PDB file of N, CA and C in Angstrom:
ATOM      1  N   MET A   1     -28.129  17.719   8.616  1.00  0.00           N
ATOM      2  CA  MET A   1     -27.314  17.152   7.557  1.00  0.00           C
ATOM      3  C   MET A   1     -25.821  17.315   7.853  1.00  0.00           C
ATOM      4  N   ASP A   2     -25.445  18.441   8.443  1.00  0.00           N
ATOM      5  CA  ASP A   2     -24.040  18.660   8.783  1.00  0.00           C
ATOM      6  C   ASP A   2     -23.547  17.649   9.807  1.00  0.00           C
ATOM      7  N   THR A   3     -24.418  17.265  10.729  1.00  0.00           N
ATOM      8  CA  THR A   3     -24.033  16.290  11.745  1.00  0.00           C
ATOM      9  C   THR A   3     -23.770  14.931  11.106  1.00  0.00           C
ATOM     10  N   LEU A   4     -24.594  14.557  10.127  1.00  0.00           N
ATOM     11  CA  LEU A   4     -24.411  13.278   9.441  1.00  0.00           C
ATOM     12  C   LEU A   4     -23.086  13.261   8.675  1.00  0.00           C
ATOM     13  N   VAL A   5     -22.794  14.350   7.972  1.00  0.00           N
ATOM     14  CA  VAL A   5     -21.528  14.434   7.232  1.00  0.00           C
ATOM     15  C   VAL A   5     -20.345  14.376   8.195  1.00  0.00           C
ATOM     16  N   THR A   6     -20.460  15.056   9.309  1.00  0.00           N
ATOM     17  CA  THR A   6     -19.383  15.044  10.305  1.00  0.00           C
ATOM     18  C   THR A   6     -19.168  13.645  10.868  1.00  0.00           C
ATOM     19  N   LEU A   7     -20.242  12.917  11.130  1.00  0.00           N
ATOM     20  CA  LEU A   7     -20.112  11.546  11.637  1.00  0.00           C
ATOM     21  C   LEU A   7     -19.491  10.618  10.596  1.00  0.00           C
ATOM     22  N   ILE A   8     -19.889  10.777   9.350  1.00  0.00           N
ATOM     23  CA  ILE A   8     -19.315   9.945   8.282  1.00  0.00           C
ATOM     24  C   ILE A   8     -17.829  10.244   8.121  1.00  0.00           C
ATOM     25  N   VAL A   9     -17.466  11.523   8.139  1.00  0.00           N
ATOM     26  CA  VAL A   9     -16.056  11.902   8.010  1.00  0.00           C
ATOM     27  C   VAL A   9     -15.256  11.393   9.206  1.00  0.00           C
ATOM     28  N   ALA A  10     -15.829  11.488  10.397  1.00  0.00           N
ATOM     29  CA  ALA A  10     -15.136  10.990  11.591  1.00  0.00           C
ATOM     30  C   ALA A  10     -14.897   9.489  11.493  1.00  0.00           C
ATOM     31  N   ALA A  11     -15.904   8.748  11.016  1.00  0.00           N
ATOM     32  CA  ALA A  11     -15.731   7.302  10.843  1.00  0.00           C
ATOM     33  C   ALA A  11     -14.654   7.007   9.801  1.00  0.00           C
ATOM     34  N   MET A  12     -14.634   7.785   8.720  1.00  0.00           N
ATOM     35  CA  MET A  12     -13.620   7.575   7.687  1.00  0.00           C
ATOM     36  C   MET A  12     -12.223   7.884   8.202  1.00  0.00           C
ATOM     37  N   VAL A  13     -12.095   8.910   9.024  1.00  0.00           N
ATOM     38  CA  VAL A  13     -10.782   9.246   9.593  1.00  0.00           C
ATOM     39  C   VAL A  13     -10.303   8.126  10.513  1.00  0.00           C
ATOM     40  N   VAL A  14     -11.213   7.587  11.321  1.00  0.00           N
ATOM     41  CA  VAL A  14     -10.828   6.487  12.214  1.00  0.00           C
ATOM     42  C   VAL A  14     -10.428   5.255  11.407  1.00  0.00           C
ATOM     43  N   ILE A  15     -11.192   4.934  10.367  1.00  0.00           N
ATOM     44  CA  ILE A  15     -10.872   3.769   9.523  1.00  0.00           C
ATOM     45  C   ILE A  15      -9.535   3.986   8.807  1.00  0.00           C
ATOM     46  N   GLY A  16      -9.333   5.166   8.232  1.00  0.00           N
ATOM     47  CA  GLY A  16      -8.069   5.466   7.550  1.00  0.00           C
ATOM     48  C   GLY A  16      -6.877   5.423   8.490  1.00  0.00           C
ATOM     49  N   ALA A  17      -7.066   5.975   9.689  1.00  0.00           N
ATOM     50  CA  ALA A  17      -5.976   5.951  10.675  1.00  0.00           C
ATOM     51  C   ALA A  17      -5.677   4.522  11.115  1.00  0.00           C
ATOM     52  N   PHE A  18      -6.723   3.690  11.239  1.00  0.00           N
ATOM     53  CA  PHE A  18      -6.508   2.294  11.618  1.00  0.00           C
ATOM     54  C   PHE A  18      -5.671   1.560  10.569  1.00  0.00           C
ATOM     55  N   PHE A  19      -6.029   1.716   9.304  1.00  0.00           N
ATOM     56  CA  PHE A  19      -5.276   1.022   8.254  1.00  0.00           C
ATOM     57  C   PHE A  19      -3.849   1.574   8.137  1.00  0.00           C
ATOM     58  N   THR A  20      -3.677   2.845   8.353  1.00  0.00           N
ATOM     59  CA  THR A  20      -2.328   3.414   8.345  1.00  0.00           C
ATOM     60  C   THR A  20      -1.510   2.869   9.513  1.00  0.00           C
ATOM     61  N   LEU A  21      -2.145   2.716  10.667  1.00  0.00           N
ATOM     62  CA  LEU A  21      -1.467   2.123  11.824  1.00  0.00           C
ATOM     63  C   LEU A  21      -1.092   0.664  11.550  1.00  0.00           C
ATOM     64  N   VAL A  22      -1.996  -0.078  10.915  1.00  0.00           N
ATOM     65  CA  VAL A  22      -1.702  -1.472  10.563  1.00  0.00           C
ATOM     66  C   VAL A  22      -0.507  -1.534   9.606  1.00  0.00           C
ATOM     67  N   ALA A  23      -0.453  -0.619   8.650  1.00  0.00           N
ATOM     68  CA  ALA A  23       0.687  -0.586   7.726  1.00  0.00           C
ATOM     69  C   ALA A  23       1.980  -0.284   8.466  1.00  0.00           C
ATOM     70  N   ALA A  24       1.934   0.653   9.397  1.00  0.00           N
ATOM     71  CA  ALA A  24       3.138   0.987  10.165  1.00  0.00           C
ATOM     72  C   ALA A  24       3.574  -0.183  11.038  1.00  0.00           C
ATOM     73  N   LEU A  25       2.630  -0.851  11.668  1.00  0.00           N
ATOM     74  CA  LEU A  25       2.974  -2.024  12.476  1.00  0.00           C
ATOM     75  C   LEU A  25       3.525  -3.151  11.595  1.00  0.00           C
ATOM     76  N   GLY A  26       2.980  -3.289  10.397  1.00  0.00           N
ATOM     77  CA  GLY A  26       3.491  -4.290   9.462  1.00  0.00           C
ATOM     78  C   GLY A  26       4.935  -4.015   9.080  1.00  0.00           C
ATOM     79  N   LEU A  27       5.267  -2.745   8.891  1.00  0.00           N
ATOM     80  CA  LEU A  27       6.650  -2.397   8.569  1.00  0.00           C
ATOM     81  C   LEU A  27       7.591  -2.728   9.716  1.00  0.00           C
ATOM     82  N   LEU A  28       7.108  -2.602  10.931  1.00  0.00           N
ATOM     83  CA  LEU A  28       7.953  -2.880  12.091  1.00  0.00           C
ATOM     84  C   LEU A  28       8.038  -4.360  12.431  1.00  0.00           C
ATOM     85  N   ARG A  29       6.957  -5.097  12.236  1.00  0.00           N
ATOM     86  CA  ARG A  29       6.871  -6.453  12.770  1.00  0.00           C
ATOM     87  C   ARG A  29       7.111  -7.574  11.757  1.00  0.00           C
ATOM     88  N   LEU A  30       6.879  -7.339  10.490  1.00  0.00           N
ATOM     89  CA  LEU A  30       6.989  -8.429   9.519  1.00  0.00           C
ATOM     90  C   LEU A  30       8.452  -8.794   9.261  1.00  0.00           C
ATOM     91  N   PRO A  31       8.716 -10.062   8.909  1.00  0.00           N
ATOM     92  CA  PRO A  31      10.090 -10.576   8.945  1.00  0.00           C
ATOM     93  C   PRO A  31      11.009 -10.202   7.785  1.00  0.00           C
ATOM     94  N   ASP A  32      10.479  -9.957   6.592  1.00  0.00           N
ATOM     95  CA  ASP A  32      11.397  -9.679   5.486  1.00  0.00           C
ATOM     96  C   ASP A  32      10.884  -8.530   4.631  1.00  0.00           C
ATOM     97  N   VAL A  33      11.710  -8.118   3.687  1.00  0.00           N
ATOM     98  CA  VAL A  33      11.414  -6.937   2.885  1.00  0.00           C
ATOM     99  C   VAL A  33      10.158  -7.131   2.040  1.00  0.00           C
ATOM    100  N   TYR A  34       9.870  -8.343   1.620  1.00  0.00           N
ATOM    101  CA  TYR A  34       8.728  -8.591   0.746  1.00  0.00           C
ATOM    102  C   TYR A  34       7.400  -8.466   1.492  1.00  0.00           C
ATOM    103  N   THR A  35       7.328  -9.004   2.680  1.00  0.00           N
ATOM    104  CA  THR A  35       6.093  -8.884   3.452  1.00  0.00           C
ATOM    105  C   THR A  35       5.916  -7.460   3.962  1.00  0.00           C
ATOM    106  N   ARG A  36       7.004  -6.791   4.274  1.00  0.00           N
ATOM    107  CA  ARG A  36       6.904  -5.387   4.682  1.00  0.00           C
ATOM    108  C   ARG A  36       6.386  -4.525   3.540  1.00  0.00           C
ATOM    109  N   MET A  37       6.876  -4.803   2.346  1.00  0.00           N
ATOM    110  CA  MET A  37       6.424  -4.066   1.178  1.00  0.00           C
ATOM    111  C   MET A  37       4.938  -4.297   0.920  1.00  0.00           C
ATOM    112  N   HIS A  38       4.496  -5.511   1.154  1.00  0.00           N
ATOM    113  CA  HIS A  38       3.089  -5.843   0.980  1.00  0.00           C
ATOM    114  C   HIS A  38       2.235  -5.036   1.955  1.00  0.00           C
ATOM    115  N   ALA A  39       2.651  -4.953   3.201  1.00  0.00           N
ATOM    116  CA  ALA A  39       1.900  -4.193   4.204  1.00  0.00           C
ATOM    117  C   ALA A  39       1.859  -2.715   3.840  1.00  0.00           C
ATOM    118  N   ALA A  40       2.978  -2.187   3.410  1.00  0.00           N
ATOM    119  CA  ALA A  40       3.021  -0.766   3.078  1.00  0.00           C
ATOM    120  C   ALA A  40       2.183  -0.444   1.859  1.00  0.00           C
ATOM    121  N   SER A  41       2.216  -1.311   0.856  1.00  0.00           N
ATOM    122  CA  SER A  41       1.492  -0.995  -0.374  1.00  0.00           C
ATOM    123  C   SER A  41      -0.005  -1.240  -0.240  1.00  0.00           C
ATOM    124  N   LYS A  42      -0.422  -2.237   0.504  1.00  0.00           N
ATOM    125  CA  LYS A  42      -1.863  -2.530   0.610  1.00  0.00           C
ATOM    126  C   LYS A  42      -2.532  -1.683   1.687  1.00  0.00           C
ATOM    127  N   ALA A  43      -2.122  -1.857   2.921  1.00  0.00           N
ATOM    128  CA  ALA A  43      -2.784  -1.155   4.023  1.00  0.00           C
ATOM    129  C   ALA A  43      -2.479   0.340   3.988  1.00  0.00           C
ATOM    130  N   GLY A  44      -1.270   0.711   3.616  1.00  0.00           N
ATOM    131  CA  GLY A  44      -0.924   2.123   3.538  1.00  0.00           C
ATOM    132  C   GLY A  44      -1.711   2.857   2.468  1.00  0.00           C
ATOM    133  N   THR A  45      -1.901   2.220   1.327  1.00  0.00           N
ATOM    134  CA  THR A  45      -2.684   2.829   0.260  1.00  0.00           C
ATOM    135  C   THR A  45      -4.144   2.970   0.661  1.00  0.00           C
ATOM    136  N   LEU A  46      -4.693   1.941   1.278  1.00  0.00           N
ATOM    137  CA  LEU A  46      -6.083   2.013   1.710  1.00  0.00           C
ATOM    138  C   LEU A  46      -6.270   3.093   2.767  1.00  0.00           C
ATOM    139  N   GLY A  47      -5.386   3.144   3.751  1.00  0.00           N
ATOM    140  CA  GLY A  47      -5.485   4.159   4.792  1.00  0.00           C
ATOM    141  C   GLY A  47      -5.354   5.571   4.243  1.00  0.00           C
ATOM    142  N   SER A  48      -4.382   5.791   3.383  1.00  0.00           N
ATOM    143  CA  SER A  48      -4.191   7.113   2.790  1.00  0.00           C
ATOM    144  C   SER A  48      -5.376   7.508   1.918  1.00  0.00           C
ATOM    145  N   GLY A  49      -5.895   6.549   1.179  1.00  0.00           N
ATOM    146  CA  GLY A  49      -7.036   6.822   0.313  1.00  0.00           C
ATOM    147  C   GLY A  49      -8.280   7.217   1.094  1.00  0.00           C
ATOM    148  N   VAL A  50      -8.571   6.485   2.157  1.00  0.00           N
ATOM    149  CA  VAL A  50      -9.747   6.806   2.968  1.00  0.00           C
ATOM    150  C   VAL A  50      -9.573   8.168   3.645  1.00  0.00           C
ATOM    151  N   LEU A  51      -8.370   8.463   4.113  1.00  0.00           N
ATOM    152  CA  LEU A  51      -8.125   9.774   4.722  1.00  0.00           C
ATOM    153  C   LEU A  51      -8.266  10.907   3.704  1.00  0.00           C
ATOM    154  N   LEU A  52      -7.799  10.695   2.484  1.00  0.00           N
ATOM    155  CA  LEU A  52      -7.956  11.717   1.457  1.00  0.00           C
ATOM    156  C   LEU A  52      -9.421  11.939   1.093  1.00  0.00           C
ATOM    157  N   ILE A  53     -10.189  10.875   1.008  1.00  0.00           N
ATOM    158  CA  ILE A  53     -11.621  11.016   0.718  1.00  0.00           C
ATOM    159  C   ILE A  53     -12.321  11.742   1.864  1.00  0.00           C
ATOM    160  N   ALA A  54     -11.953  11.423   3.095  1.00  0.00           N
ATOM    161  CA  ALA A  54     -12.539  12.131   4.249  1.00  0.00           C
ATOM    162  C   ALA A  54     -12.218  13.621   4.180  1.00  0.00           C
ATOM    163  N   LEU A  55     -11.003  13.964   3.788  1.00  0.00           N
ATOM    164  CA  LEU A  55     -10.630  15.366   3.631  1.00  0.00           C
ATOM    165  C   LEU A  55     -11.501  16.045   2.584  1.00  0.00           C
ATOM    166  N   GLY A  56     -11.692  15.385   1.445  1.00  0.00           N
ATOM    167  CA  GLY A  56     -12.504  15.971   0.383  1.00  0.00           C
ATOM    168  C   GLY A  56     -13.959  16.149   0.776  1.00  0.00           C
ATOM    169  N   VAL A  57     -14.510  15.181   1.494  1.00  0.00           N
ATOM    170  CA  VAL A  57     -15.902  15.283   1.932  1.00  0.00           C
ATOM    171  C   VAL A  57     -16.051  16.383   2.977  1.00  0.00           C
ATOM    172  N   GLN A  58     -15.125  16.460   3.921  1.00  0.00           N
ATOM    173  CA  GLN A  58     -15.214  17.459   4.991  1.00  0.00           C
ATOM    174  C   GLN A  58     -15.073  18.877   4.454  1.00  0.00           C
ATOM    175  N   SER A  59     -14.292  19.059   3.418  1.00  0.00           N
ATOM    176  CA  SER A  59     -14.069  20.412   2.902  1.00  0.00           C
ATOM    177  C   SER A  59     -15.343  21.029   2.347  1.00  0.00           C
ATOM    178  N   GLY A  60     -16.205  20.204   1.770  1.00  0.00           N
ATOM    179  CA  GLY A  60     -17.434  20.721   1.196  1.00  0.00           C
ATOM    180  C   GLY A  60     -17.226  21.459  -0.110  1.00  0.00           C
ATOM    181  N   ASP A  61     -16.021  21.423  -0.628  1.00  0.00           N
ATOM    182  CA  ASP A  61     -15.673  22.113  -1.861  1.00  0.00           C
ATOM    183  C   ASP A  61     -15.491  21.081  -2.962  1.00  0.00           C
ATOM    184  N   THR A  62     -16.102  21.326  -4.101  1.00  0.00           N
ATOM    185  CA  THR A  62     -16.014  20.375  -5.210  1.00  0.00           C
ATOM    186  C   THR A  62     -14.586  20.237  -5.722  1.00  0.00           C
ATOM    187  N   GLY A  63     -13.852  21.327  -5.780  1.00  0.00           N
ATOM    188  CA  GLY A  63     -12.469  21.277  -6.253  1.00  0.00           C
ATOM    189  C   GLY A  63     -11.583  20.448  -5.347  1.00  0.00           C
ATOM    190  N   THR A  64     -11.746  20.611  -4.046  1.00  0.00           N
ATOM    191  CA  THR A  64     -10.950  19.831  -3.093  1.00  0.00           C
ATOM    192  C   THR A  64     -11.323  18.361  -3.157  1.00  0.00           C
ATOM    193  N   LEU A  65     -12.618  18.065  -3.277  1.00  0.00           N
ATOM    194  CA  LEU A  65     -13.053  16.669  -3.397  1.00  0.00           C
ATOM    195  C   LEU A  65     -12.504  16.030  -4.666  1.00  0.00           C
ATOM    196  N   THR A  66     -12.521  16.780  -5.759  1.00  0.00           N
ATOM    197  CA  THR A  66     -11.985  16.263  -7.024  1.00  0.00           C
ATOM    198  C   THR A  66     -10.491  15.978  -6.911  1.00  0.00           C
ATOM    199  N   ARG A  67      -9.753  16.881  -6.279  1.00  0.00           N
ATOM    200  CA  ARG A  67      -8.309  16.662  -6.105  1.00  0.00           C
ATOM    201  C   ARG A  67      -8.017  15.491  -5.186  1.00  0.00           C
ATOM    202  N   SER A  68      -8.846  15.324  -4.154  1.00  0.00           N
ATOM    203  CA  SER A  68      -8.619  14.182  -3.260  1.00  0.00           C
ATOM    204  C   SER A  68      -8.928  12.870  -3.968  1.00  0.00           C
ATOM    205  N   LEU A  69      -9.956  12.850  -4.794  1.00  0.00           N
ATOM    206  CA  LEU A  69     -10.252  11.636  -5.569  1.00  0.00           C
ATOM    207  C   LEU A  69      -9.153  11.359  -6.596  1.00  0.00           C
ATOM    208  N   ALA A  70      -8.579  12.415  -7.164  1.00  0.00           N
ATOM    209  CA  ALA A  70      -7.450  12.229  -8.085  1.00  0.00           C
ATOM    210  C   ALA A  70      -6.242  11.665  -7.338  1.00  0.00           C
ATOM    211  N   GLY A  71      -6.030  12.118  -6.116  1.00  0.00           N
ATOM    212  CA  GLY A  71      -4.943  11.568  -5.302  1.00  0.00           C
ATOM    213  C   GLY A  71      -5.152  10.103  -4.978  1.00  0.00           C
ATOM    214  N   VAL A  72      -6.389   9.730  -4.681  1.00  0.00           N
ATOM    215  CA  VAL A  72      -6.702   8.322  -4.419  1.00  0.00           C
ATOM    216  C   VAL A  72      -6.449   7.488  -5.671  1.00  0.00           C
ATOM    217  N   ALA A  73      -6.883   7.991  -6.823  1.00  0.00           N
ATOM    218  CA  ALA A  73      -6.644   7.267  -8.080  1.00  0.00           C
ATOM    219  C   ALA A  73      -5.143   7.120  -8.331  1.00  0.00           C
ATOM    220  N   PHE A  74      -4.372   8.154  -8.043  1.00  0.00           N
ATOM    221  CA  PHE A  74      -2.925   8.093  -8.206  1.00  0.00           C
ATOM    222  C   PHE A  74      -2.318   7.028  -7.299  1.00  0.00           C
ATOM    223  N   PHE A  75      -2.748   7.003  -6.029  1.00  0.00           N
ATOM    224  CA  PHE A  75      -2.271   5.968  -5.100  1.00  0.00           C
ATOM    225  C   PHE A  75      -2.601   4.571  -5.620  1.00  0.00           C
ATOM    226  N   LEU A  76      -3.839   4.383  -6.059  1.00  0.00           N
ATOM    227  CA  LEU A  76      -4.262   3.054  -6.503  1.00  0.00           C
ATOM    228  C   LEU A  76      -3.546   2.602  -7.765  1.00  0.00           C
ATOM    229  N   LEU A  77      -3.153   3.545  -8.607  1.00  0.00           N
ATOM    230  CA  LEU A  77      -2.454   3.186  -9.836  1.00  0.00           C
ATOM    231  C   LEU A  77      -0.960   2.963  -9.634  1.00  0.00           C
ATOM    232  N   THR A  78      -0.359   3.684  -8.704  1.00  0.00           N
ATOM    233  CA  THR A  78       1.096   3.616  -8.589  1.00  0.00           C
ATOM    234  C   THR A  78       1.606   2.683  -7.492  1.00  0.00           C
ATOM    235  N   ALA A  79       0.866   2.485  -6.428  1.00  0.00           N
ATOM    236  CA  ALA A  79       1.360   1.666  -5.312  1.00  0.00           C
ATOM    237  C   ALA A  79       1.629   0.215  -5.709  1.00  0.00           C
ATOM    238  N   PRO A  80       0.726  -0.472  -6.412  1.00  0.00           N
ATOM    239  CA  PRO A  80       1.041  -1.864  -6.781  1.00  0.00           C
ATOM    240  C   PRO A  80       2.230  -1.984  -7.731  1.00  0.00           C
ATOM    241  N   ILE A  81       2.346  -1.043  -8.648  1.00  0.00           N
ATOM    242  CA  ILE A  81       3.449  -1.094  -9.608  1.00  0.00           C
ATOM    243  C   ILE A  81       4.780  -0.858  -8.906  1.00  0.00           C
ATOM    244  N   SER A  82       4.821   0.146  -8.047  1.00  0.00           N
ATOM    245  CA  SER A  82       6.082   0.436  -7.354  1.00  0.00           C
ATOM    246  C   SER A  82       6.453  -0.691  -6.393  1.00  0.00           C
ATOM    247  N   ALA A  83       5.479  -1.286  -5.723  1.00  0.00           N
ATOM    248  CA  ALA A  83       5.782  -2.408  -4.825  1.00  0.00           C
ATOM    249  C   ALA A  83       6.318  -3.600  -5.616  1.00  0.00           C
ATOM    250  N   HIS A  84       5.734  -3.859  -6.766  1.00  0.00           N
ATOM    251  CA  HIS A  84       6.203  -4.972  -7.598  1.00  0.00           C
ATOM    252  C   HIS A  84       7.641  -4.733  -8.065  1.00  0.00           C
ATOM    253  N   LEU A  85       7.918  -3.527  -8.532  1.00  0.00           N
ATOM    254  CA  LEU A  85       9.271  -3.232  -9.013  1.00  0.00           C
ATOM    255  C   LEU A  85      10.299  -3.243  -7.887  1.00  0.00           C
ATOM    256  N   LEU A  86       9.916  -2.752  -6.710  1.00  0.00           N
ATOM    257  CA  LEU A  86      10.834  -2.802  -5.567  1.00  0.00           C
ATOM    258  C   LEU A  86      11.102  -4.244  -5.132  1.00  0.00           C
ATOM    259  N   ALA A  87      10.074  -5.080  -5.151  1.00  0.00           N
ATOM    260  CA  ALA A  87      10.270  -6.485  -4.792  1.00  0.00           C
ATOM    261  C   ALA A  87      11.169  -7.183  -5.806  1.00  0.00           C
ATOM    262  N   LYS A  88      10.975  -6.883  -7.074  1.00  0.00           N
ATOM    263  CA  LYS A  88      11.810  -7.480  -8.107  1.00  0.00           C
ATOM    264  C   LYS A  88      13.268  -7.046  -7.967  1.00  0.00           C
ATOM    265  N   ALA A  89      13.482  -5.766  -7.688  1.00  0.00           N
ATOM    266  CA  ALA A  89      14.844  -5.263  -7.499  1.00  0.00           C
ATOM    267  C   ALA A  89      15.466  -5.851  -6.236  1.00  0.00           C
ATOM    268  N   SER A  90      14.681  -5.996  -5.181  1.00  0.00           N
ATOM    269  CA  SER A  90      15.205  -6.589  -3.939  1.00  0.00           C
ATOM    270  C   SER A  90      15.619  -8.031  -4.173  1.00  0.00           C
ATOM    271  N   TYR A  91      14.828  -8.758  -4.925  1.00  0.00           N
ATOM    272  CA  TYR A  91      15.159 -10.155  -5.213  1.00  0.00           C
ATOM    273  C   TYR A  91      16.431 -10.231  -6.063  1.00  0.00           C
ATOM    274  N   ALA A  92      16.534  -9.343  -7.049  1.00  0.00           N
ATOM    275  CA  ALA A  92      17.720  -9.346  -7.910  1.00  0.00           C
ATOM    276  C   ALA A  92      18.981  -8.970  -7.137  1.00  0.00           C
ATOM    277  N   MET A  93      18.837  -8.125  -6.118  1.00  0.00           N
ATOM    278  CA  MET A  93      19.992  -7.722  -5.315  1.00  0.00           C
ATOM    279  C   MET A  93      20.377  -8.753  -4.265  1.00  0.00           C
ATOM    280  N   GLY A  94      19.558  -9.766  -4.085  1.00  0.00           N
ATOM    281  CA  GLY A  94      19.939 -10.837  -3.184  1.00  0.00           C
ATOM    282  C   GLY A  94      19.225 -10.870  -1.845  1.00  0.00           C
ATOM    283  N   TYR A  95      18.238 -10.011  -1.637  1.00  0.00           N
ATOM    284  CA  TYR A  95      17.470 -10.074  -0.394  1.00  0.00           C
ATOM    285  C   TYR A  95      16.617 -11.334  -0.430  1.00  0.00           C
ATOM    286  N   ARG A  96      16.891 -12.238   0.473  1.00  0.00           N
ATOM    287  CA  ARG A  96      16.182 -13.510   0.488  1.00  0.00           C
ATOM    288  C   ARG A  96      14.947 -13.451   1.366  1.00  0.00           C
ATOM    289  N   MET A  97      14.054 -14.376   1.088  1.00  0.00           N
ATOM    290  CA  MET A  97      12.820 -14.462   1.864  1.00  0.00           C
ATOM    291  C   MET A  97      13.101 -15.094   3.222  1.00  0.00           C
ATOM    292  N   THR A  98      12.192 -14.887   4.141  1.00  0.00           N
ATOM    293  CA  THR A  98      12.326 -15.461   5.464  1.00  0.00           C
ATOM    294  C   THR A  98      12.205 -16.982   5.396  1.00  0.00           C
ATOM    295  N   ASN A  99      12.660 -17.656   6.429  1.00  0.00           N
ATOM    296  CA  ASN A  99      12.556 -19.115   6.477  1.00  0.00           C
ATOM    297  C   ASN A  99      11.110 -19.580   6.576  1.00  0.00           C
ATOM    298  N   LEU A 100      10.208 -18.683   6.933  1.00  0.00           N
ATOM    299  CA  LEU A 100       8.794 -19.025   7.032  1.00  0.00           C
ATOM    300  C   LEU A 100       8.106 -19.105   5.672  1.00  0.00           C
ATOM    301  N   THR A 101       8.767 -18.624   4.635  1.00  0.00           N
ATOM    302  CA  THR A 101       8.192 -18.655   3.295  1.00  0.00           C
ATOM    303  C   THR A 101       8.113 -20.094   2.814  1.00  0.00           C
ATOM    304  N   VAL A 102       6.966 -20.464   2.274  1.00  0.00           N
ATOM    305  CA  VAL A 102       6.729 -21.845   1.870  1.00  0.00           C
ATOM    306  C   VAL A 102       7.342 -22.156   0.519  1.00  0.00           C
ATOM    307  N   ILE A 103       7.181 -21.267  -0.464  1.00  0.00           N
ATOM    308  CA  ILE A 103       7.677 -21.540  -1.803  1.00  0.00           C
ATOM    309  C   ILE A 103       8.258 -20.271  -2.417  1.00  0.00           C
ATOM    310  N   ASP A 104       9.338 -20.431  -3.154  1.00  0.00           N
ATOM    311  CA  ASP A 104       9.957 -19.343  -3.893  1.00  0.00           C
ATOM    312  C   ASP A 104       9.805 -19.675  -5.368  1.00  0.00           C
ATOM    313  N   GLU A 105       8.935 -18.965  -6.052  1.00  0.00           N
ATOM    314  CA  GLU A 105       8.640 -19.292  -7.443  1.00  0.00           C
ATOM    315  C   GLU A 105       9.589 -18.619  -8.432  1.00  0.00           C
ATOM    316  N   MET A 106      10.493 -17.793  -7.950  1.00  0.00           N
ATOM    317  CA  MET A 106      11.467 -17.152  -8.835  1.00  0.00           C
ATOM    318  C   MET A 106      12.684 -18.070  -8.953  1.00  0.00           C
ATOM    319  N   PRO A 107      13.127 -18.361 -10.161  1.00  0.00           N
ATOM    320  CA  PRO A 107      14.317 -19.199 -10.307  1.00  0.00           C
ATOM    321  C   PRO A 107      15.577 -18.436  -9.913  1.00  0.00           C
ATOM    322  N   GLU A 108      16.582 -19.178  -9.533  1.00  0.00           N
ATOM    323  CA  GLU A 108      17.875 -18.587  -9.207  1.00  0.00           C
ATOM    324  C   GLU A 108      18.476 -17.977 -10.476  1.00  0.00           C
ATOM    325  N   PRO A 109      19.374 -16.993 -10.349  1.00  0.00           N
ATOM    326  CA  PRO A 109      19.953 -16.361 -11.539  1.00  0.00           C
ATOM    327  C   PRO A 109      20.638 -17.348 -12.475  1.00  0.00           C
ATOM    328  N   SER A 110      21.306 -18.369 -11.926  1.00  0.00           N
ATOM    329  CA  SER A 110      21.960 -19.353 -12.788  1.00  0.00           C
ATOM    330  C   SER A 110      20.933 -20.167 -13.562  1.00  0.00           C
ATOM    331  N   GLU A 111      19.788 -20.429 -12.973  1.00  0.00           N
ATOM    332  CA  GLU A 111      18.730 -21.175 -13.664  1.00  0.00           C
ATOM    333  C   GLU A 111      18.073 -20.320 -14.745  1.00  0.00           C
ATOM    334  N   ARG A 112      18.000 -19.000 -14.534  1.00  0.00           N
ATOM    335  CA  ARG A 112      17.401 -18.111 -15.547  1.00  0.00           C
ATOM    336  C   ARG A 112      18.237 -18.097 -16.807  1.00  0.00           C
ATOM    337  N   THR A 113      19.574 -18.113 -16.669  1.00  0.00           N
ATOM    338  CA  THR A 113      20.427 -18.080 -17.862  1.00  0.00           C
ATOM    339  C   THR A 113      20.358 -19.410 -18.602  1.00  0.00           C
ATOM    340  N   LYS A 114      20.171 -20.512 -17.888  1.00  0.00           N
ATOM    341  CA  LYS A 114      20.032 -21.800 -18.554  1.00  0.00           C
ATOM    342  C   LYS A 114      18.744 -21.866 -19.341  1.00  0.00           C
ATOM    343  N   GLU A 115      17.657 -21.283 -18.795  1.00  0.00           N
ATOM    344  CA  GLU A 115      16.381 -21.285 -19.498  1.00  0.00           C
ATOM    345  C   GLU A 115      16.426 -20.430 -20.748  1.00  0.00           C
ATOM    346  N   ALA A 116      17.219 -19.369 -20.751  1.00  0.00           N
ATOM    347  CA  ALA A 116      17.299 -18.473 -21.895  1.00  0.00           C
ATOM    348  C   ALA A 116      18.041 -19.122 -23.057  1.00  0.00           C
ATOM    349  N   ASP A 117      18.923 -20.068 -22.764  1.00  0.00           N
ATOM    350  CA  ASP A 117      19.708 -20.724 -23.847  1.00  0.00           C
ATOM    351  C   ASP A 117      18.896 -21.688 -24.647  1.00  0.00           C
TER     352      ASP A 117
END
């Protein structure tokens, strides 16, 4: 049984490390702040979550497993919200999307004030 748990944890560590690597490569390679934020919030959260679960399973302690699951829940609850707020603040500060972006659904600041009137 210990060998099976060790193999499962090893697979989870490899999967978590892969997604964390994908997030890091996304931060380096993607063209603008919005796509970089997407890579960090999606792949980084998944990688960190899988690594935390692997830690909890490997420890064999119920308290450690519970804390690792709480950490995963915290990541899943906060990462999308923080990415959304950072993207909104970046847009408000004037960081524009790359030329590869097909559509910008946010109105310009001058158009927002006209809509409010």
